[in-house]
Amino acid sequence: MSLLGRSAQTLSVVAALWVSACTQPLVIRSERGATVQQVLPSKTVVFVHGMFMTPLCWEKWEPYFQAKGYKTLAPAWPEHDAAIEEQHKSHPNAKLAALTLDAVLAHYRTVLKGLEEKPILVGHSMGGLIVQLLLAEGLGVAGIAIDSAPPKGVISLKYSFLKSNWPAISPSAKINVPINLSRKDFDYSFANCTPDAEQAATFARYAVPESRRVGKGPTTPVAKINYSVARPPLLMIAGSLDHIIPASLNRSNYAKYEQSPSITDFREFEGRCHAIILQPGWEEVADYVHDWIVKNQSQP
């Protein structure tokens, strides 16, 4: 075969591999820990909300899992258990301003240690980071981190990330004044892939003021994870259109677990933004989470 012919053949193979890679589902599975630790049987699911949200954000997910035979809990962060309207009326709330990620973690530790069985942990946004941290402490039998805030040492310089998180991470931000996102800022950070009417409804029903100290939490030692230590299985989920926690940041977070001896999986959903647990089609994400739990669960 001529040199030209071999070159053409090589290019053809490369092109075929490239097309194959681009058409594969956005799923990565780590088999490193497949024999180390599976999901222990548990019929309890604890949902962890993120910043600017309350447990109300899980109002679709709780009935979904209850219908499949699970007991569900969605505990509120401290200063997040009042009605949405009351939280806005109390802004600026000094107690909310003083809230830290460490305090939120301590709150969930107390809740989890009081349960009859170790639960499956499902968290969104900052709740996803909380799930990673609690899972590393052995307080759950499995963890699902959806659009997770990054642990300490995992960063992004993507414009949408910096723009969305600037109210919390800006050095000049007034640390003792909680953040109260405008509708415009909320739409950009949370609901950029949904129609205007849906953005308005999401903002009105779910958005609340938030502590800047919690927002700075991922940059502190509290958010540090030892990736080399064995822990229960973890599934990480990203939305391809997420502004505040870009899919690339989720992938960077996932890559940190390369050294982990435990099962760590990743799935990216096309066309989803940070409101992935609320926007139409949330059932597909919930189905995937449930199927992953069942697939990895040990038999009693």
C-alpha atoms as a PDB file:
ATOM      1  CA  MET A   1       0.000   0.000   0.000  1.00  0.00           C
ATOM      2  CA  SER A   2       1.319   3.454  -0.872  1.00  0.00           C
ATOM      3  CA  LEU A   3       2.174   6.030   1.770  1.00  0.00           C
ATOM      4  CA  LEU A   4      -0.795   8.082   0.604  1.00  0.00           C
ATOM      5  CA  GLY A   5      -3.054   5.041   0.925  1.00  0.00           C
ATOM      6  CA  ARG A   6      -1.829   4.271   4.465  1.00  0.00           C
ATOM      7  CA  SER A   7      -2.357   7.911   5.485  1.00  0.00           C
ATOM      8  CA  ALA A   8      -5.888   7.872   4.151  1.00  0.00           C
ATOM      9  CA  GLN A   9      -6.589   4.617   5.994  1.00  0.00           C
ATOM     10  CA  THR A  10      -5.220   6.074   9.249  1.00  0.00           C
ATOM     11  CA  LEU A  11      -7.367   9.182   8.896  1.00  0.00           C
ATOM     12  CA  SER A  12     -10.390   6.995   8.230  1.00  0.00           C
ATOM     13  CA  VAL A  13      -9.796   4.992  11.429  1.00  0.00           C
ATOM     14  CA  VAL A  14      -9.262   8.164  13.474  1.00  0.00           C
ATOM     15  CA  ALA A  15     -12.441   9.689  12.062  1.00  0.00           C
ATOM     16  CA  ALA A  16     -14.414   6.533  12.873  1.00  0.00           C
ATOM     17  CA  LEU A  17     -13.132   6.524  16.445  1.00  0.00           C
ATOM     18  CA  TRP A  18     -13.960  10.225  16.823  1.00  0.00           C
ATOM     19  CA  VAL A  19     -17.530   9.713  15.561  1.00  0.00           C
ATOM     20  CA  SER A  20     -17.928   6.710  17.871  1.00  0.00           C
ATOM     21  CA  ALA A  21     -16.714   8.711  20.868  1.00  0.00           C
ATOM     22  CA  CYS A  22     -19.040  11.596  20.095  1.00  0.00           C
ATOM     23  CA  THR A  23     -22.071   9.324  19.833  1.00  0.00           C
ATOM     24  CA  GLN A  24     -21.428   7.429  23.078  1.00  0.00           C
ATOM     25  CA  PRO A  25     -23.636   8.347  26.057  1.00  0.00           C
ATOM     26  CA  LEU A  26     -22.023  10.795  28.438  1.00  0.00           C
ATOM     27  CA  VAL A  27     -21.429   8.139  31.058  1.00  0.00           C
ATOM     28  CA  ILE A  28     -18.182   7.209  32.765  1.00  0.00           C
ATOM     29  CA  ARG A  29     -17.971   4.214  35.076  1.00  0.00           C
ATOM     30  CA  SER A  30     -15.107   3.421  37.390  1.00  0.00           C
ATOM     31  CA  GLU A  31     -14.643  -0.310  37.870  1.00  0.00           C
ATOM     32  CA  ARG A  32     -11.706   0.139  40.236  1.00  0.00           C
ATOM     33  CA  GLY A  33     -13.770  -0.516  43.323  1.00  0.00           C
ATOM     34  CA  ALA A  34     -16.407  -2.865  41.927  1.00  0.00           C
ATOM     35  CA  THR A  35     -15.413  -5.556  44.427  1.00  0.00           C
ATOM     36  CA  VAL A  36     -14.610  -3.192  47.285  1.00  0.00           C
ATOM     37  CA  GLN A  37     -17.969  -1.912  48.426  1.00  0.00           C
ATOM     38  CA  GLN A  38     -21.453  -2.071  46.968  1.00  0.00           C
ATOM     39  CA  VAL A  39     -24.539  -0.166  48.053  1.00  0.00           C
ATOM     40  CA  LEU A  40     -25.810  -1.855  51.198  1.00  0.00           C
ATOM     41  CA  PRO A  41     -29.557  -2.487  51.311  1.00  0.00           C
ATOM     42  CA  SER A  42     -31.350   0.600  52.580  1.00  0.00           C
ATOM     43  CA  LYS A  43     -34.912   1.810  52.159  1.00  0.00           C
ATOM     44  CA  THR A  44     -34.214   5.311  53.422  1.00  0.00           C
ATOM     45  CA  VAL A  45     -33.305   8.232  51.173  1.00  0.00           C
ATOM     46  CA  VAL A  46     -32.169  11.554  52.610  1.00  0.00           C
ATOM     47  CA  PHE A  47     -32.328  14.528  50.234  1.00  0.00           C
ATOM     48  CA  VAL A  48     -29.995  17.485  50.763  1.00  0.00           C
ATOM     49  CA  HIS A  49     -30.875  20.810  49.163  1.00  0.00           C
ATOM     50  CA  GLY A  50     -28.378  23.421  48.052  1.00  0.00           C
ATOM     51  CA  MET A  51     -27.878  27.179  48.314  1.00  0.00           C
ATOM     52  CA  PHE A  52     -30.795  29.545  47.627  1.00  0.00           C
ATOM     53  CA  MET A  53     -33.173  26.594  48.069  1.00  0.00           C
ATOM     54  CA  THR A  54     -35.211  24.803  50.738  1.00  0.00           C
ATOM     55  CA  PRO A  55     -36.429  21.178  51.037  1.00  0.00           C
ATOM     56  CA  LEU A  56     -39.336  22.219  48.800  1.00  0.00           C
ATOM     57  CA  CYS A  57     -37.038  21.685  45.818  1.00  0.00           C
ATOM     58  CA  TRP A  58     -37.441  17.915  46.410  1.00  0.00           C
ATOM     59  CA  GLU A  59     -41.241  18.002  46.318  1.00  0.00           C
ATOM     60  CA  LYS A  60     -41.278  15.908  43.115  1.00  0.00           C
ATOM     61  CA  TRP A  61     -38.512  13.513  44.115  1.00  0.00           C
ATOM     62  CA  GLU A  62     -39.863  12.477  47.503  1.00  0.00           C
ATOM     63  CA  PRO A  63     -43.181  11.078  46.181  1.00  0.00           C
ATOM     64  CA  TYR A  64     -41.249   9.414  43.348  1.00  0.00           C
ATOM     65  CA  PHE A  65     -39.043   7.449  45.769  1.00  0.00           C
ATOM     66  CA  GLN A  66     -41.872   6.861  48.240  1.00  0.00           C
ATOM     67  CA  ALA A  67     -43.836   5.180  45.442  1.00  0.00           C
ATOM     68  CA  LYS A  68     -40.905   2.798  45.013  1.00  0.00           C
ATOM     69  CA  GLY A  69     -41.012   1.790  48.659  1.00  0.00           C
ATOM     70  CA  TYR A  70     -38.493   4.165  50.207  1.00  0.00           C
ATOM     71  CA  LYS A  71     -38.842   6.252  53.328  1.00  0.00           C
ATOM     72  CA  THR A  72     -37.680   9.769  52.503  1.00  0.00           C
ATOM     73  CA  LEU A  73     -36.459  12.751  54.487  1.00  0.00           C
ATOM     74  CA  ALA A  74     -35.515  16.214  53.240  1.00  0.00           C
ATOM     75  CA  PRO A  75     -34.170  18.120  56.258  1.00  0.00           C
ATOM     76  CA  ALA A  76     -33.822  21.883  55.962  1.00  0.00           C
ATOM     77  CA  TRP A  77     -30.525  23.632  56.551  1.00  0.00           C
ATOM     78  CA  PRO A  78     -30.514  25.831  59.662  1.00  0.00           C
ATOM     79  CA  GLU A  79     -32.433  29.070  58.924  1.00  0.00           C
ATOM     80  CA  HIS A  80     -34.073  27.451  55.869  1.00  0.00           C
ATOM     81  CA  ASP A  81     -37.151  25.864  57.418  1.00  0.00           C
ATOM     82  CA  ALA A  82     -39.527  28.852  57.337  1.00  0.00           C
ATOM     83  CA  ALA A  83     -41.934  29.502  54.471  1.00  0.00           C
ATOM     84  CA  ILE A  84     -40.384  31.064  51.358  1.00  0.00           C
ATOM     85  CA  GLU A  85     -42.225  34.348  51.936  1.00  0.00           C
ATOM     86  CA  GLU A  86     -41.047  34.564  55.548  1.00  0.00           C
ATOM     87  CA  GLN A  87     -37.428  34.023  54.550  1.00  0.00           C
ATOM     88  CA  HIS A  88     -37.653  36.919  52.136  1.00  0.00           C
ATOM     89  CA  LYS A  89     -39.364  39.134  54.714  1.00  0.00           C
ATOM     90  CA  SER A  90     -36.622  38.459  57.262  1.00  0.00           C
ATOM     91  CA  HIS A  91     -33.857  39.501  54.856  1.00  0.00           C
ATOM     92  CA  PRO A  92     -31.233  40.452  55.886  1.00  0.00           C
ATOM     93  CA  ASN A  93     -31.312  37.739  58.544  1.00  0.00           C
ATOM     94  CA  ALA A  94     -28.261  37.988  60.830  1.00  0.00           C
ATOM     95  CA  LYS A  95     -28.517  34.323  61.834  1.00  0.00           C
ATOM     96  CA  LEU A  96     -28.533  33.289  58.180  1.00  0.00           C
ATOM     97  CA  ALA A  97     -25.535  35.520  57.496  1.00  0.00           C
ATOM     98  CA  ALA A  98     -23.605  33.715  60.248  1.00  0.00           C
ATOM     99  CA  LEU A  99     -24.373  30.244  58.845  1.00  0.00           C
ATOM    100  CA  THR A 100     -21.320  28.272  57.671  1.00  0.00           C
ATOM    101  CA  LEU A 101     -20.830  25.089  55.674  1.00  0.00           C
ATOM    102  CA  ASP A 102     -19.391  23.506  58.805  1.00  0.00           C
ATOM    103  CA  ALA A 103     -22.622  24.233  60.691  1.00  0.00           C
ATOM    104  CA  VAL A 104     -24.736  22.762  57.876  1.00  0.00           C
ATOM    105  CA  LEU A 105     -22.615  19.606  57.907  1.00  0.00           C
ATOM    106  CA  ALA A 106     -22.942  19.323  61.688  1.00  0.00           C
ATOM    107  CA  HIS A 107     -26.721  19.613  61.333  1.00  0.00           C
ATOM    108  CA  TYR A 108     -26.871  16.732  58.863  1.00  0.00           C
ATOM    109  CA  ARG A 109     -24.530  14.570  60.932  1.00  0.00           C
ATOM    110  CA  THR A 110     -26.976  14.856  63.823  1.00  0.00           C
ATOM    111  CA  VAL A 111     -29.916  13.945  61.577  1.00  0.00           C
ATOM    112  CA  LEU A 112     -28.180  10.954  59.982  1.00  0.00           C
ATOM    113  CA  LYS A 113     -26.872   9.528  63.244  1.00  0.00           C
ATOM    114  CA  GLY A 114     -30.420   9.531  64.593  1.00  0.00           C
ATOM    115  CA  LEU A 115     -31.831   7.327  61.812  1.00  0.00           C
ATOM    116  CA  GLU A 116     -32.591   3.623  62.247  1.00  0.00           C
ATOM    117  CA  GLU A 117     -30.481   2.703  59.204  1.00  0.00           C
ATOM    118  CA  LYS A 118     -27.800   4.350  57.142  1.00  0.00           C
ATOM    119  CA  PRO A 119     -29.506   6.093  54.229  1.00  0.00           C
ATOM    120  CA  ILE A 120     -28.867   6.698  50.563  1.00  0.00           C
ATOM    121  CA  LEU A 121     -27.805  10.349  50.270  1.00  0.00           C
ATOM    122  CA  VAL A 122     -28.994  12.506  47.365  1.00  0.00           C
ATOM    123  CA  GLY A 123     -27.775  16.098  47.167  1.00  0.00           C
ATOM    124  CA  HIS A 124     -28.059  18.965  44.701  1.00  0.00           C
ATOM    125  CA  SER A 125     -25.549  21.795  44.220  1.00  0.00           C
ATOM    126  CA  MET A 126     -23.981  22.586  47.619  1.00  0.00           C
ATOM    127  CA  GLY A 127     -25.999  19.603  48.785  1.00  0.00           C
ATOM    128  CA  GLY A 128     -23.943  17.501  46.385  1.00  0.00           C
ATOM    129  CA  LEU A 129     -20.750  18.583  48.102  1.00  0.00           C
ATOM    130  CA  ILE A 130     -22.348  17.881  51.481  1.00  0.00           C
ATOM    131  CA  VAL A 131     -23.185  14.372  50.257  1.00  0.00           C
ATOM    132  CA  GLN A 132     -19.577  13.790  49.174  1.00  0.00           C
ATOM    133  CA  LEU A 133     -18.286  14.911  52.567  1.00  0.00           C
ATOM    134  CA  LEU A 134     -20.797  12.885  54.595  1.00  0.00           C
ATOM    135  CA  LEU A 135     -20.253   9.817  52.432  1.00  0.00           C
ATOM    136  CA  ALA A 136     -16.510  10.047  53.100  1.00  0.00           C
ATOM    137  CA  GLU A 137     -17.376   9.939  56.814  1.00  0.00           C
ATOM    138  CA  GLY A 138     -19.333   6.717  56.341  1.00  0.00           C
ATOM    139  CA  LEU A 139     -22.712   8.267  57.151  1.00  0.00           C
ATOM    140  CA  GLY A 140     -24.506   6.838  54.114  1.00  0.00           C
ATOM    141  CA  VAL A 141     -24.575   3.580  52.140  1.00  0.00           C
ATOM    142  CA  ALA A 142     -24.360   5.433  48.808  1.00  0.00           C
ATOM    143  CA  GLY A 143     -24.242   8.996  47.536  1.00  0.00           C
ATOM    144  CA  ILE A 144     -25.633  10.815  44.528  1.00  0.00           C
ATOM    145  CA  ALA A 145     -24.189  14.285  43.926  1.00  0.00           C
ATOM    146  CA  ILE A 146     -26.194  16.267  41.353  1.00  0.00           C
ATOM    147  CA  ASP A 147     -24.595  19.420  39.883  1.00  0.00           C
ATOM    148  CA  SER A 148     -22.306  19.335  42.901  1.00  0.00           C
ATOM    149  CA  ALA A 149     -20.407  22.290  44.281  1.00  0.00           C
ATOM    150  CA  PRO A 150     -16.690  21.460  44.179  1.00  0.00           C
ATOM    151  CA  PRO A 151     -14.590  20.233  47.103  1.00  0.00           C
ATOM    152  CA  LYS A 152     -11.573  22.272  48.166  1.00  0.00           C
ATOM    153  CA  GLY A 153      -8.931  22.306  45.442  1.00  0.00           C
ATOM    154  CA  VAL A 154     -11.329  21.802  42.530  1.00  0.00           C
ATOM    155  CA  ILE A 155     -11.856  25.054  40.648  1.00  0.00           C
ATOM    156  CA  SER A 156     -13.147  26.471  37.383  1.00  0.00           C
ATOM    157  CA  LEU A 157     -12.223  29.645  35.531  1.00  0.00           C
ATOM    158  CA  LYS A 158     -15.174  29.359  33.183  1.00  0.00           C
ATOM    159  CA  TYR A 159     -16.962  32.694  32.770  1.00  0.00           C
ATOM    160  CA  SER A 160     -20.419  31.362  33.688  1.00  0.00           C
ATOM    161  CA  PHE A 161     -19.057  29.864  36.916  1.00  0.00           C
ATOM    162  CA  LEU A 162     -17.330  33.079  37.967  1.00  0.00           C
ATOM    163  CA  LYS A 163     -20.333  35.230  37.034  1.00  0.00           C
ATOM    164  CA  SER A 164     -22.840  33.007  38.840  1.00  0.00           C
ATOM    165  CA  ASN A 165     -20.765  32.578  41.989  1.00  0.00           C
ATOM    166  CA  TRP A 166     -19.378  36.119  42.214  1.00  0.00           C
ATOM    167  CA  PRO A 167     -21.929  37.296  44.829  1.00  0.00           C
ATOM    168  CA  ALA A 168     -20.494  34.680  47.211  1.00  0.00           C
ATOM    169  CA  ILE A 169     -16.813  34.578  46.268  1.00  0.00           C
ATOM    170  CA  SER A 170     -16.138  38.271  45.614  1.00  0.00           C
ATOM    171  CA  PRO A 171     -13.463  39.565  48.041  1.00  0.00           C
ATOM    172  CA  SER A 172     -15.451  42.773  48.423  1.00  0.00           C
ATOM    173  CA  ALA A 173     -18.742  41.039  49.246  1.00  0.00           C
ATOM    174  CA  LYS A 174     -20.320  42.044  52.569  1.00  0.00           C
ATOM    175  CA  ILE A 175     -19.918  38.793  54.479  1.00  0.00           C
ATOM    176  CA  ASN A 176     -22.498  39.761  57.131  1.00  0.00           C
ATOM    177  CA  VAL A 177     -25.252  40.418  54.594  1.00  0.00           C
ATOM    178  CA  PRO A 178     -26.934  37.362  53.020  1.00  0.00           C
ATOM    179  CA  ILE A 179     -27.254  37.191  49.243  1.00  0.00           C
ATOM    180  CA  ASN A 180     -30.729  37.775  47.848  1.00  0.00           C
ATOM    181  CA  LEU A 181     -30.529  36.966  44.144  1.00  0.00           C
ATOM    182  CA  SER A 182     -32.494  39.060  41.687  1.00  0.00           C
ATOM    183  CA  ARG A 183     -34.760  37.272  39.232  1.00  0.00           C
ATOM    184  CA  LYS A 184     -32.233  38.040  36.467  1.00  0.00           C
ATOM    185  CA  ASP A 185     -29.301  36.550  38.389  1.00  0.00           C
ATOM    186  CA  PHE A 186     -31.327  33.499  39.441  1.00  0.00           C
ATOM    187  CA  ASP A 187     -32.426  32.837  35.864  1.00  0.00           C
ATOM    188  CA  TYR A 188     -28.828  33.016  34.633  1.00  0.00           C
ATOM    189  CA  SER A 189     -27.424  30.786  37.364  1.00  0.00           C
ATOM    190  CA  PHE A 190     -30.210  28.241  37.839  1.00  0.00           C
ATOM    191  CA  ALA A 191     -32.729  28.234  35.017  1.00  0.00           C
ATOM    192  CA  ASN A 192     -30.929  29.442  31.890  1.00  0.00           C
ATOM    193  CA  CYS A 193     -32.190  26.528  29.776  1.00  0.00           C
ATOM    194  CA  THR A 194     -35.896  26.937  30.574  1.00  0.00           C
ATOM    195  CA  PRO A 195     -38.575  29.248  29.067  1.00  0.00           C
ATOM    196  CA  ASP A 196     -39.297  32.624  30.676  1.00  0.00           C
ATOM    197  CA  ALA A 197     -42.602  31.555  32.226  1.00  0.00           C
ATOM    198  CA  GLU A 198     -40.971  28.540  33.832  1.00  0.00           C
ATOM    199  CA  GLN A 199     -38.068  30.671  35.082  1.00  0.00           C
ATOM    200  CA  ALA A 200     -40.513  33.046  36.751  1.00  0.00           C
ATOM    201  CA  ALA A 201     -42.420  30.183  38.394  1.00  0.00           C
ATOM    202  CA  THR A 202     -39.217  28.509  39.621  1.00  0.00           C
ATOM    203  CA  PHE A 203     -37.900  31.749  41.103  1.00  0.00           C
ATOM    204  CA  ALA A 204     -41.192  32.554  42.847  1.00  0.00           C
ATOM    205  CA  ARG A 205     -41.677  29.091  44.323  1.00  0.00           C
ATOM    206  CA  TYR A 206     -38.178  28.061  45.372  1.00  0.00           C
ATOM    207  CA  ALA A 207     -35.621  30.897  45.654  1.00  0.00           C
ATOM    208  CA  VAL A 208     -34.576  32.187  49.092  1.00  0.00           C
ATOM    209  CA  PRO A 209     -31.751  34.408  50.446  1.00  0.00           C
ATOM    210  CA  GLU A 210     -28.471  32.676  51.253  1.00  0.00           C
ATOM    211  CA  SER A 211     -25.393  32.941  53.460  1.00  0.00           C
ATOM    212  CA  ARG A 212     -22.189  34.141  51.810  1.00  0.00           C
ATOM    213  CA  ARG A 213     -20.213  32.125  54.351  1.00  0.00           C
ATOM    214  CA  VAL A 214     -21.716  28.882  53.059  1.00  0.00           C
ATOM    215  CA  GLY A 215     -20.898  30.031  49.532  1.00  0.00           C
ATOM    216  CA  LYS A 216     -17.260  30.407  50.492  1.00  0.00           C
ATOM    217  CA  GLY A 217     -17.272  27.009  52.179  1.00  0.00           C
ATOM    218  CA  PRO A 218     -15.795  25.028  49.243  1.00  0.00           C
ATOM    219  CA  THR A 219     -12.595  27.108  49.485  1.00  0.00           C
ATOM    220  CA  THR A 220     -12.054  26.227  53.162  1.00  0.00           C
ATOM    221  CA  PRO A 221     -10.496  23.153  54.839  1.00  0.00           C
ATOM    222  CA  VAL A 222     -14.004  22.008  55.809  1.00  0.00           C
ATOM    223  CA  ALA A 223     -14.561  21.011  52.170  1.00  0.00           C
ATOM    224  CA  LYS A 224     -11.372  18.966  51.797  1.00  0.00           C
ATOM    225  CA  ILE A 225     -11.773  15.334  50.732  1.00  0.00           C
ATOM    226  CA  ASN A 226      -9.265  12.492  51.031  1.00  0.00           C
ATOM    227  CA  TYR A 227      -9.859  10.799  47.676  1.00  0.00           C
ATOM    228  CA  SER A 228      -7.648   7.785  48.412  1.00  0.00           C
ATOM    229  CA  VAL A 229      -9.796   6.494  51.291  1.00  0.00           C
ATOM    230  CA  ALA A 230     -12.401   3.799  50.587  1.00  0.00           C
ATOM    231  CA  ARG A 231     -16.015   4.907  50.935  1.00  0.00           C
ATOM    232  CA  PRO A 232     -19.457   3.770  49.722  1.00  0.00           C
ATOM    233  CA  PRO A 233     -20.346   4.120  46.003  1.00  0.00           C
ATOM    234  CA  LEU A 234     -20.795   7.597  44.552  1.00  0.00           C
ATOM    235  CA  LEU A 235     -22.675   8.731  41.449  1.00  0.00           C
ATOM    236  CA  MET A 236     -21.983  12.217  40.087  1.00  0.00           C
ATOM    237  CA  ILE A 237     -24.488  13.877  37.743  1.00  0.00           C
ATOM    238  CA  ALA A 238     -23.983  17.001  35.630  1.00  0.00           C
ATOM    239  CA  GLY A 239     -26.137  19.108  33.320  1.00  0.00           C
ATOM    240  CA  SER A 240     -24.544  20.072  30.008  1.00  0.00           C
ATOM    241  CA  LEU A 241     -25.976  23.624  30.139  1.00  0.00           C
ATOM    242  CA  ASP A 242     -25.353  24.327  33.831  1.00  0.00           C
ATOM    243  CA  HIS A 243     -23.938  27.828  34.357  1.00  0.00           C
ATOM    244  CA  ILE A 244     -23.245  27.915  38.084  1.00  0.00           C
ATOM    245  CA  ILE A 245     -21.672  24.427  38.264  1.00  0.00           C
ATOM    246  CA  PRO A 246     -20.503  23.696  34.696  1.00  0.00           C
ATOM    247  CA  ALA A 247     -20.333  20.091  33.523  1.00  0.00           C
ATOM    248  CA  SER A 248     -16.577  20.558  33.078  1.00  0.00           C
ATOM    249  CA  LEU A 249     -16.283  21.350  36.792  1.00  0.00           C
ATOM    250  CA  ASN A 250     -18.205  18.188  37.658  1.00  0.00           C
ATOM    251  CA  ARG A 251     -15.807  16.233  35.462  1.00  0.00           C
ATOM    252  CA  SER A 252     -12.833  17.798  37.255  1.00  0.00           C
ATOM    253  CA  ASN A 253     -14.415  16.776  40.558  1.00  0.00           C
ATOM    254  CA  TYR A 254     -14.937  13.245  39.233  1.00  0.00           C
ATOM    255  CA  ALA A 255     -11.329  13.058  38.003  1.00  0.00           C
ATOM    256  CA  LYS A 256     -10.102  13.635  41.568  1.00  0.00           C
ATOM    257  CA  TYR A 257     -11.540  10.227  42.450  1.00  0.00           C
ATOM    258  CA  GLU A 258      -9.149   8.472  40.043  1.00  0.00           C
ATOM    259  CA  GLN A 259      -7.128   7.399  43.060  1.00  0.00           C
ATOM    260  CA  SER A 260     -10.187   6.131  44.941  1.00  0.00           C
ATOM    261  CA  PRO A 261     -10.549   2.369  45.520  1.00  0.00           C
ATOM    262  CA  SER A 262     -14.350   2.750  45.536  1.00  0.00           C
ATOM    263  CA  ILE A 263     -17.039   2.786  42.861  1.00  0.00           C
ATOM    264  CA  THR A 264     -17.364   6.266  41.359  1.00  0.00           C
ATOM    265  CA  ASP A 265     -19.668   6.894  38.400  1.00  0.00           C
ATOM    266  CA  PHE A 266     -20.424   9.941  36.270  1.00  0.00           C
ATOM    267  CA  ARG A 267     -23.361  10.832  34.021  1.00  0.00           C
ATOM    268  CA  GLU A 268     -23.931  14.044  32.088  1.00  0.00           C
ATOM    269  CA  PHE A 269     -27.461  14.934  30.943  1.00  0.00           C
ATOM    270  CA  GLU A 270     -27.748  16.917  27.727  1.00  0.00           C
ATOM    271  CA  GLY A 271     -29.867  20.074  27.679  1.00  0.00           C
ATOM    272  CA  ARG A 272     -30.106  20.381  31.470  1.00  0.00           C
ATOM    273  CA  CYS A 273     -29.116  23.387  33.560  1.00  0.00           C
ATOM    274  CA  HIS A 274     -28.759  23.822  37.309  1.00  0.00           C
ATOM    275  CA  ALA A 275     -32.513  23.415  37.780  1.00  0.00           C
ATOM    276  CA  ILE A 276     -32.099  19.804  36.643  1.00  0.00           C
ATOM    277  CA  ILE A 277     -34.100  18.427  39.583  1.00  0.00           C
ATOM    278  CA  LEU A 278     -37.025  20.750  38.824  1.00  0.00           C
ATOM    279  CA  GLN A 279     -37.203  21.301  35.067  1.00  0.00           C
ATOM    280  CA  PRO A 280     -39.421  19.173  32.801  1.00  0.00           C
ATOM    281  CA  GLY A 281     -37.778  15.821  32.300  1.00  0.00           C
ATOM    282  CA  TRP A 282     -36.616  15.539  35.918  1.00  0.00           C
ATOM    283  CA  GLU A 283     -38.129  12.041  35.898  1.00  0.00           C
ATOM    284  CA  GLU A 284     -35.384  10.831  33.537  1.00  0.00           C
ATOM    285  CA  VAL A 285     -32.764  11.925  36.056  1.00  0.00           C
ATOM    286  CA  ALA A 286     -34.672  10.346  38.956  1.00  0.00           C
ATOM    287  CA  ASP A 287     -35.046   7.102  36.978  1.00  0.00           C
ATOM    288  CA  TYR A 288     -31.317   7.023  36.339  1.00  0.00           C
ATOM    289  CA  VAL A 289     -30.560   7.592  40.025  1.00  0.00           C
ATOM    290  CA  HIS A 290     -32.969   4.862  41.100  1.00  0.00           C
ATOM    291  CA  ASP A 291     -31.675   2.370  38.523  1.00  0.00           C
ATOM    292  CA  TRP A 292     -28.081   3.090  39.604  1.00  0.00           C
ATOM    293  CA  ILE A 293     -28.985   2.384  43.221  1.00  0.00           C
ATOM    294  CA  VAL A 294     -30.680  -0.907  42.333  1.00  0.00           C
ATOM    295  CA  LYS A 295     -27.855  -1.958  39.994  1.00  0.00           C
ATOM    296  CA  ASN A 296     -25.194  -1.430  42.632  1.00  0.00           C
ATOM    297  CA  GLN A 297     -27.117  -2.695  45.627  1.00  0.00           C
ATOM    298  CA  SER A 298     -25.869  -5.786  47.441  1.00  0.00           C
ATOM    299  CA  GLN A 299     -28.314  -8.585  48.096  1.00  0.00           C
ATOM    300  CA  PRO A 300     -29.148  -9.065  51.789  1.00  0.00           C
END
